[in-house]
Amino acid sequence: DRLVAAVGDHTSVDLDLDGITFIDSQGLRVLIEAKLRAGNDKHVRITAASTQVRQLLDMTGLTELLDG
């Protein structure tokens, strides 16, 4: 809820996921929902991610979706 609210309140939201070592399908859904709500006028960016999370984002194609 806070991520979606942040997207509504700001033109750009940067996420530091470096300390996160596991994301399940629910976590991926939250990232996708935030980006969809942001639309083309706003940015949701992953500025840092652990190796495990980066690999998951790459495998699912979310790296390209999340501006970074």
Protein backbone atom coordinates (compact mmCIF):
# COMPACT_ATOMS: atom_id res chain seq x y z
CA ASP A 1 0.00 0.00 0.00
CA ARG A 2 2.81 2.41 0.82
CA LEU A 3 4.57 1.81 -2.49
CA VAL A 4 1.39 2.44 -4.47
CA ALA A 5 0.74 5.59 -2.39
CA ALA A 6 4.30 6.81 -3.01
CA VAL A 7 3.80 6.37 -6.74
CA GLY A 8 0.67 8.50 -6.51
CA ASP A 9 2.45 11.23 -4.55
CA HIS A 10 5.73 11.48 -6.51
CA THR A 11 6.87 11.57 -10.11
CA SER A 12 9.68 9.14 -9.41
CA VAL A 13 10.09 6.35 -6.86
CA ASP A 14 13.49 4.70 -6.42
CA LEU A 15 13.64 1.31 -4.72
CA ASP A 16 16.73 -0.01 -2.98
CA LEU A 17 16.26 -3.78 -2.78
CA ASP A 18 19.87 -4.57 -1.96
CA GLY A 19 18.98 -6.05 1.45
CA ILE A 20 16.21 -8.23 0.03
CA THR A 21 17.28 -11.79 -0.80
CA PHE A 22 13.88 -13.29 -1.65
CA ILE A 23 10.77 -12.05 -3.43
CA ASP A 24 7.79 -14.29 -4.05
CA SER A 25 5.00 -13.87 -6.60
CA GLN A 26 3.14 -11.49 -4.27
CA GLY A 27 6.19 -9.22 -4.12
CA LEU A 28 6.50 -9.26 -7.90
CA ARG A 29 2.80 -8.40 -8.16
CA VAL A 30 3.32 -5.35 -5.93
CA LEU A 31 6.17 -4.11 -8.13
CA ILE A 32 4.11 -4.63 -11.29
CA GLU A 33 1.06 -2.91 -9.78
CA ALA A 34 3.17 0.09 -8.74
CA LYS A 35 4.59 0.43 -12.26
CA LEU A 36 1.16 0.08 -13.87
CA ARG A 37 -0.24 2.78 -11.59
CA ALA A 38 2.71 5.01 -12.41
CA GLY A 39 1.93 4.79 -16.11
CA ASN A 40 4.21 6.48 -18.60
CA ASP A 41 4.34 9.82 -16.77
CA LYS A 42 6.10 8.53 -13.65
CA HIS A 43 9.04 6.27 -12.90
CA VAL A 44 9.46 3.29 -10.60
CA ARG A 45 13.13 2.37 -10.54
CA ILE A 46 15.17 -0.34 -8.91
CA THR A 47 18.36 1.48 -7.92
CA ALA A 48 19.99 -1.48 -6.16
CA ALA A 49 19.15 -5.15 -5.79
CA SER A 50 20.76 -8.23 -4.33
CA THR A 51 22.08 -10.81 -6.76
CA GLN A 52 19.09 -13.07 -6.07
CA VAL A 53 16.53 -10.34 -6.69
CA ARG A 54 18.35 -9.03 -9.78
CA GLN A 55 18.35 -12.55 -11.27
CA LEU A 56 14.60 -12.91 -10.62
CA LEU A 57 13.86 -9.50 -12.15
CA ASP A 58 15.95 -10.40 -15.20
CA MET A 59 14.29 -13.83 -15.61
CA THR A 60 10.78 -12.35 -15.40
CA GLY A 61 11.50 -9.39 -17.68
CA LEU A 62 10.79 -6.90 -14.92
CA THR A 63 14.22 -5.29 -15.18
CA GLU A 64 13.11 -3.66 -18.44
CA LEU A 65 9.72 -2.66 -17.03
CA LEU A 66 11.18 -1.05 -13.92
CA ASP A 67 13.33 1.64 -15.56
CA GLY A 68 16.58 0.38 -14.20
